[in-house]
Amino acid sequence: MDRSQLHRLDLNLLLAFDVLISERNVTKAAERMSVGQPAMSASLARLRKFFDDPLLVRQGRSLVPTTRALGLIEPIREALDTIESTVRANREFDPRTNHRTFTLMASDYVLLLLLGPLLAELEVEAPNLRFAVRPIAADFAEQINSSRLDLLVFPEELAPDDMQANSERLFTDRLVCAVDRNHPEVGERITEDQFCSLPLVCYDGNPLQTIHERRFHQLGLDRPIEIRTQSFVVQPLMLPGSRLMALVHERLGQYFARNVGIRLVDPPFPIAAMSEAMFWSPRADTDTAHRWLRERVRHAASALNG
């Protein structure tokens, strides 16, 4: 598509296309744009006439985008992002008075130790801002690229090389073994045999690779994982009163060792530390509100580093 064609569409039609493709439902799209259903239907009719394509066609009870519509998603999203970033870059930002919602993506480990305390502070510092924190999803790179996500906090080495995002390292953490405080087999040290044979509870990032899987591969270990969880935080909670072992982030392990009956022991061989970084779209670089948010996250990470 010749992107110059987009200049012939007014902003409201660009927004209507974006919302219609996202919702795939005229009624829901109308609700999101705070217009009546007849007005949204009229916008869809104008879009169909302009592009000479039905754009959305009925399949069963749902509407699905045509091939033409799928090809329009990226250029229209980029045009809207450009307009939005230009407006925001020239708008004064005062966290005490401005209204805005930021969408973040992070693991529950990062939410508990880094973002949770920060967001509690921001409730006072920026009372009108809202934050939506989502769990890590397989399409995080696409969400960053399409600006559906303001900020991602994710292990630096697991980010894809072709992700079109800026990044900054926030903090580094060790990986250590965690077991029941009175584990019947593990003393002050854990042996190689115990490390490889004790029943293991491990975070399951399927379909994404996890830092634990990366480390096992680097060590040449092909050991079974008896219990897979969808949460980092739940792993330490499963250890008391069991023979289970978990390989946990040290800061997370220390947090729970103070509150539940577990203890931490060093692995029997060196395991490389991991680093969490924040990622964002380059289009957000000049956004004053986004710069403020990155600075607050950076400051919280510095405090976490001690």
Protein backbone atom coordinates (compact mmCIF):
# COMPACT_ATOMS: atom_id res chain seq x y z
CA MET A 1 0.00 0.00 0.00
CA ASP A 2 1.16 3.53 -0.82
CA ARG A 3 1.31 5.10 2.64
CA SER A 4 0.58 8.52 1.18
CA GLN A 5 -3.00 7.27 0.81
CA LEU A 6 -3.39 7.47 4.57
CA HIS A 7 -3.20 11.27 4.40
CA ARG A 8 -6.53 11.21 2.56
CA LEU A 9 -8.23 9.58 5.56
CA ASP A 10 -9.21 11.74 8.52
CA LEU A 11 -7.98 10.83 11.99
CA ASN A 12 -11.37 9.55 13.15
CA LEU A 13 -11.45 6.98 10.33
CA LEU A 14 -7.93 5.83 11.13
CA LEU A 15 -8.97 5.39 14.76
CA ALA A 16 -12.15 3.60 13.69
CA PHE A 17 -10.18 1.15 11.57
CA ASP A 18 -7.76 0.42 14.42
CA VAL A 19 -10.55 -0.19 16.93
CA LEU A 20 -12.69 -2.23 14.52
CA ILE A 21 -9.78 -4.54 13.69
CA SER A 22 -8.93 -4.87 17.38
CA GLU A 23 -12.51 -5.58 18.56
CA ARG A 24 -13.83 -7.31 15.40
CA ASN A 25 -17.24 -6.25 16.60
CA VAL A 26 -19.06 -3.07 15.52
CA THR A 27 -20.96 -2.69 18.80
CA LYS A 28 -17.86 -3.08 20.99
CA ALA A 29 -15.88 -0.76 18.71
CA ALA A 30 -18.61 1.87 19.04
CA GLU A 31 -18.49 1.55 22.83
CA ARG A 32 -14.70 2.00 22.88
CA MET A 33 -14.93 5.16 20.76
CA SER A 34 -17.97 6.45 22.69
CA VAL A 35 -20.13 6.74 19.57
CA GLY A 36 -23.38 5.11 18.56
CA GLN A 37 -23.48 1.89 16.59
CA PRO A 38 -24.95 3.62 13.48
CA ALA A 39 -22.00 6.05 13.47
CA MET A 40 -19.50 3.19 13.72
CA SER A 41 -21.31 1.28 10.96
CA ALA A 42 -21.11 4.41 8.81
CA SER A 43 -17.35 4.66 9.47
CA LEU A 44 -16.91 1.02 8.44
CA ALA A 45 -18.88 1.70 5.25
CA ARG A 46 -16.64 4.69 4.42
CA LEU A 47 -13.51 2.61 5.07
CA ARG A 48 -14.81 -0.17 2.82
CA LYS A 49 -15.52 2.32 0.05
CA PHE A 50 -12.14 4.02 0.41
CA PHE A 51 -10.14 0.78 0.30
CA ASP A 52 -12.55 -0.98 -2.09
CA ASP A 53 -12.57 -3.99 0.21
CA PRO A 54 -15.01 -5.40 2.81
CA LEU A 55 -12.19 -5.32 5.42
CA LEU A 56 -14.24 -7.38 7.93
CA VAL A 57 -16.29 -10.38 6.81
CA ARG A 58 -18.56 -12.64 8.81
CA GLN A 59 -17.28 -16.10 9.68
CA GLY A 60 -19.80 -17.94 11.79
CA ARG A 61 -20.74 -15.56 14.58
CA SER A 62 -17.54 -13.55 14.34
CA LEU A 63 -16.05 -10.92 12.06
CA VAL A 64 -12.60 -11.66 10.67
CA PRO A 65 -10.27 -9.28 8.78
CA THR A 66 -9.66 -9.78 5.09
CA THR A 67 -6.17 -10.15 3.63
CA ARG A 68 -6.35 -6.50 2.60
CA ALA A 69 -7.26 -5.44 6.16
CA LEU A 70 -4.38 -7.43 7.63
CA GLY A 71 -1.99 -5.60 5.31
CA LEU A 72 -3.33 -2.25 6.49
CA ILE A 73 -2.87 -2.87 10.21
CA GLU A 74 0.83 -2.00 10.40
CA PRO A 75 0.84 1.25 8.33
CA ILE A 76 -2.28 2.57 10.05
CA ARG A 77 -0.93 1.67 13.50
CA GLU A 78 2.35 3.42 12.64
CA ALA A 79 0.47 6.52 11.46
CA LEU A 80 -1.52 6.65 14.70
CA ASP A 81 1.61 6.09 16.77
CA THR A 82 3.35 8.96 15.00
CA ILE A 83 0.44 11.29 15.66
CA GLU A 84 0.17 10.18 19.30
CA SER A 85 3.90 10.48 20.03
CA THR A 86 4.03 13.94 18.38
CA VAL A 87 1.12 15.20 20.47
CA ARG A 88 2.54 13.76 23.69
CA ALA A 89 6.04 15.09 23.02
CA ASN A 90 4.67 18.62 22.88
CA ARG A 91 2.40 18.27 25.89
CA GLU A 92 3.56 19.29 29.32
CA PHE A 93 3.48 16.45 31.80
CA ASP A 94 2.84 16.85 35.49
CA PRO A 95 2.51 13.51 37.33
CA ARG A 96 0.50 15.21 40.08
CA THR A 97 -2.31 16.26 37.72
CA ASN A 98 -2.10 14.37 34.41
CA HIS A 99 -4.43 11.50 33.54
CA ARG A 100 -3.04 8.53 31.64
CA THR A 101 -2.92 4.75 31.69
CA PHE A 102 0.41 2.95 31.25
CA THR A 103 0.47 -0.70 30.22
CA LEU A 104 3.39 -2.73 31.58
CA MET A 105 4.36 -6.37 31.18
CA ALA A 106 6.46 -8.26 33.73
CA SER A 107 6.71 -11.53 35.62
CA ASP A 108 5.19 -11.85 39.09
CA TYR A 109 8.78 -11.95 40.43
CA VAL A 110 9.45 -8.47 38.99
CA LEU A 111 6.04 -7.23 40.09
CA LEU A 112 6.58 -8.36 43.68
CA LEU A 113 10.10 -7.03 44.15
CA LEU A 114 10.41 -4.04 41.78
CA LEU A 115 7.16 -2.74 40.35
CA GLY A 116 4.90 -3.40 43.35
CA PRO A 117 6.75 -1.09 45.75
CA LEU A 118 7.15 1.51 42.98
CA LEU A 119 3.46 1.56 42.07
CA ALA A 120 2.58 1.95 45.75
CA GLU A 121 4.75 5.10 45.82
CA LEU A 122 3.18 6.41 42.62
CA GLU A 123 -0.30 6.15 44.11
CA VAL A 124 0.71 9.20 46.17
CA GLU A 125 3.05 10.88 43.70
CA ALA A 126 0.78 10.52 40.64
CA PRO A 127 -2.78 9.94 41.89
CA ASN A 128 -4.45 10.28 38.48
CA LEU A 129 -2.22 7.85 36.61
CA ARG A 130 -3.33 4.26 36.11
CA PHE A 131 -1.13 1.21 35.56
CA ALA A 132 -2.14 -2.07 33.94
CA VAL A 133 0.44 -4.79 34.63
CA ARG A 134 0.12 -7.88 32.43
CA PRO A 135 1.91 -11.23 32.75
CA ILE A 136 4.55 -12.08 30.16
CA ALA A 137 2.91 -13.07 26.87
CA ALA A 138 4.49 -14.83 23.90
CA ASP A 139 3.80 -11.86 21.60
CA PHE A 140 5.54 -9.26 23.80
CA ALA A 141 7.81 -8.13 20.92
CA GLU A 142 4.82 -7.50 18.69
CA GLN A 143 3.07 -5.58 21.47
CA ILE A 144 6.14 -3.37 21.95
CA ASN A 145 6.47 -2.78 18.20
CA SER A 146 2.79 -1.84 17.87
CA SER A 147 2.89 0.41 20.98
CA ARG A 148 0.17 -1.64 22.69
CA LEU A 149 2.69 -2.00 25.49
CA ASP A 150 4.43 0.93 27.15
CA LEU A 151 7.13 -0.96 29.03
CA LEU A 152 8.36 -4.54 29.24
CA VAL A 153 10.61 -5.84 32.03
CA PHE A 154 12.18 -9.11 30.91
CA PRO A 155 15.44 -11.10 31.19
CA GLU A 156 17.94 -9.33 28.96
CA GLU A 157 19.45 -12.43 27.38
CA LEU A 158 16.08 -13.97 26.50
CA ALA A 159 14.90 -11.02 24.39
CA PRO A 160 14.90 -11.80 20.65
CA ASP A 161 17.74 -10.20 18.68
CA ASP A 162 15.36 -8.72 16.12
CA MET A 163 13.08 -6.99 18.63
CA GLN A 164 12.69 -3.37 17.55
CA ALA A 165 12.96 -1.82 20.99
CA ASN A 166 15.26 0.27 23.11
CA SER A 167 16.46 -1.32 26.32
CA GLU A 168 18.26 -0.59 29.57
CA ARG A 169 19.54 -3.04 32.17
CA LEU A 170 17.85 -2.62 35.55
CA PHE A 171 19.30 -5.17 37.98
CA THR A 172 21.10 -8.50 38.22
CA ASP A 173 20.15 -11.46 40.38
CA ARG A 174 21.72 -14.83 41.22
CA LEU A 175 19.98 -18.19 40.88
CA VAL A 176 20.14 -20.33 44.02
CA CYS A 177 18.56 -23.54 45.30
CA ALA A 178 15.63 -23.38 47.71
CA VAL A 179 14.40 -26.27 49.85
CA ASP A 180 12.31 -26.87 52.97
CA ARG A 181 14.00 -25.43 56.07
CA ASN A 182 14.14 -28.93 57.62
CA HIS A 183 14.73 -30.87 54.44
CA PRO A 184 15.48 -34.49 55.43
CA GLU A 185 18.28 -34.95 52.88
CA VAL A 186 19.89 -31.56 52.21
CA GLY A 187 22.39 -30.30 54.78
CA GLU A 188 24.34 -27.05 54.65
CA ARG A 189 25.31 -27.87 51.08
CA ILE A 190 23.49 -29.52 48.22
CA THR A 191 25.38 -32.18 46.29
CA GLU A 192 25.47 -32.61 42.53
CA ASP A 193 23.51 -35.84 42.88
CA GLN A 194 20.83 -34.12 44.96
CA PHE A 195 20.67 -31.20 42.50
CA CYS A 196 20.03 -33.63 39.65
CA SER A 197 17.72 -36.07 41.46
CA LEU A 198 15.53 -34.19 43.96
CA PRO A 199 12.01 -33.56 42.60
CA LEU A 200 12.09 -30.15 40.95
CA VAL A 201 9.44 -27.45 40.84
CA CYS A 202 10.12 -25.00 38.02
CA TYR A 203 8.46 -22.06 36.27
CA ASP A 204 7.03 -22.98 32.88
CA GLY A 205 7.34 -20.19 30.31
CA ASN A 206 5.85 -22.26 27.47
CA PRO A 207 6.20 -21.41 24.65
CA LEU A 208 8.93 -19.00 25.79
CA GLN A 209 12.25 -20.30 27.06
CA THR A 210 12.93 -19.53 30.72
CA ILE A 211 16.20 -18.51 32.33
CA HIS A 212 16.18 -21.82 34.23
CA GLU A 213 15.92 -23.81 31.01
CA ARG A 214 18.70 -21.70 29.52
CA ARG A 215 20.96 -22.43 32.51
CA PHE A 216 20.22 -26.18 32.50
CA HIS A 217 21.12 -26.27 28.80
CA GLN A 218 24.36 -24.36 29.43
CA LEU A 219 25.27 -26.85 32.16
CA GLY A 220 24.50 -29.78 29.88
CA LEU A 221 21.76 -31.02 32.23
CA ASP A 222 18.76 -32.84 30.84
CA ARG A 223 16.94 -33.49 34.08
CA PRO A 224 13.19 -34.05 34.56
CA ILE A 225 10.96 -31.30 35.95
CA GLU A 226 8.36 -32.91 38.16
CA ILE A 227 6.16 -29.85 38.75
CA ARG A 228 5.73 -26.91 36.36
CA THR A 229 4.06 -23.71 37.53
CA GLN A 230 2.78 -20.58 35.81
CA SER A 231 4.26 -18.42 38.57
CA PHE A 232 7.69 -17.71 40.02
CA VAL A 233 6.17 -16.60 43.31
CA VAL A 234 4.31 -19.85 43.96
CA GLN A 235 7.47 -22.00 43.79
CA PRO A 236 8.83 -21.18 47.28
CA LEU A 237 5.36 -21.68 48.74
CA MET A 238 5.34 -25.30 47.55
CA LEU A 239 8.58 -26.27 49.31
CA PRO A 240 7.71 -26.41 53.05
CA GLY A 241 7.06 -29.97 54.21
CA SER A 242 8.23 -31.55 50.96
CA ARG A 243 11.32 -33.05 49.30
CA LEU A 244 10.98 -30.56 46.46
CA MET A 245 13.77 -28.30 45.28
CA ALA A 246 13.46 -25.09 43.29
CA LEU A 247 16.02 -22.96 41.48
CA VAL A 248 14.92 -19.44 42.39
CA HIS A 249 16.04 -15.86 42.00
CA GLU A 250 18.01 -15.08 45.15
CA ARG A 251 16.06 -11.91 45.98
CA LEU A 252 12.79 -13.81 45.67
CA GLY A 253 14.16 -16.64 47.81
CA GLN A 254 15.34 -14.22 50.49
CA TYR A 255 11.91 -12.57 50.57
CA PHE A 256 10.16 -15.88 51.23
CA ALA A 257 12.84 -17.28 53.55
CA ARG A 258 11.83 -14.53 55.98
CA ASN A 259 8.16 -15.48 55.79
CA VAL A 260 7.84 -19.22 55.13
CA GLY A 261 9.79 -22.30 56.17
CA ILE A 262 12.41 -22.48 53.44
CA ARG A 263 16.15 -21.93 53.23
CA LEU A 264 18.56 -21.14 50.41
CA VAL A 265 21.70 -23.06 49.49
CA ASP A 266 24.20 -22.41 46.74
CA PRO A 267 24.10 -24.73 43.73
CA PRO A 268 26.87 -27.36 43.65
CA PHE A 269 28.43 -25.72 40.58
CA PRO A 270 28.62 -22.14 39.28
CA ILE A 271 25.43 -20.86 37.62
CA ALA A 272 25.59 -17.57 35.72
CA ALA A 273 23.53 -14.70 37.13
CA MET A 274 20.70 -13.16 35.12
CA SER A 275 19.82 -9.54 34.37
CA GLU A 276 16.39 -7.95 34.05
CA ALA A 277 16.05 -5.05 31.60
CA MET A 278 13.28 -2.69 30.57
CA PHE A 279 12.29 -2.46 26.91
CA TRP A 280 10.23 0.18 25.13
CA SER A 281 9.37 1.35 21.62
CA PRO A 282 11.76 3.92 20.12
CA ARG A 283 8.66 5.97 19.31
CA ALA A 284 8.26 6.63 23.04
CA ASP A 285 11.70 8.20 23.45
CA THR A 286 10.46 11.79 23.16
CA ASP A 287 7.28 11.23 25.17
CA THR A 288 7.77 13.25 28.36
CA ALA A 289 5.42 11.05 30.39
CA HIS A 290 7.16 7.91 29.22
CA ARG A 291 10.57 9.39 30.05
CA TRP A 292 9.26 10.15 33.54
CA LEU A 293 8.05 6.56 33.95
CA ARG A 294 11.39 5.11 32.81
CA GLU A 295 13.24 7.33 35.26
CA ARG A 296 11.02 6.19 38.12
CA VAL A 297 11.58 2.52 37.20
CA ARG A 298 15.32 3.20 36.91
CA HIS A 299 15.34 4.79 40.37
CA ALA A 300 13.41 1.86 41.87
CA ALA A 301 15.93 -0.57 40.37
CA SER A 302 18.80 1.44 41.85
CA ALA A 303 17.17 1.16 45.27
CA LEU A 304 16.75 -2.59 44.76
CA ASN A 305 20.46 -2.84 43.95
CA GLY A 306 21.15 -1.35 47.35
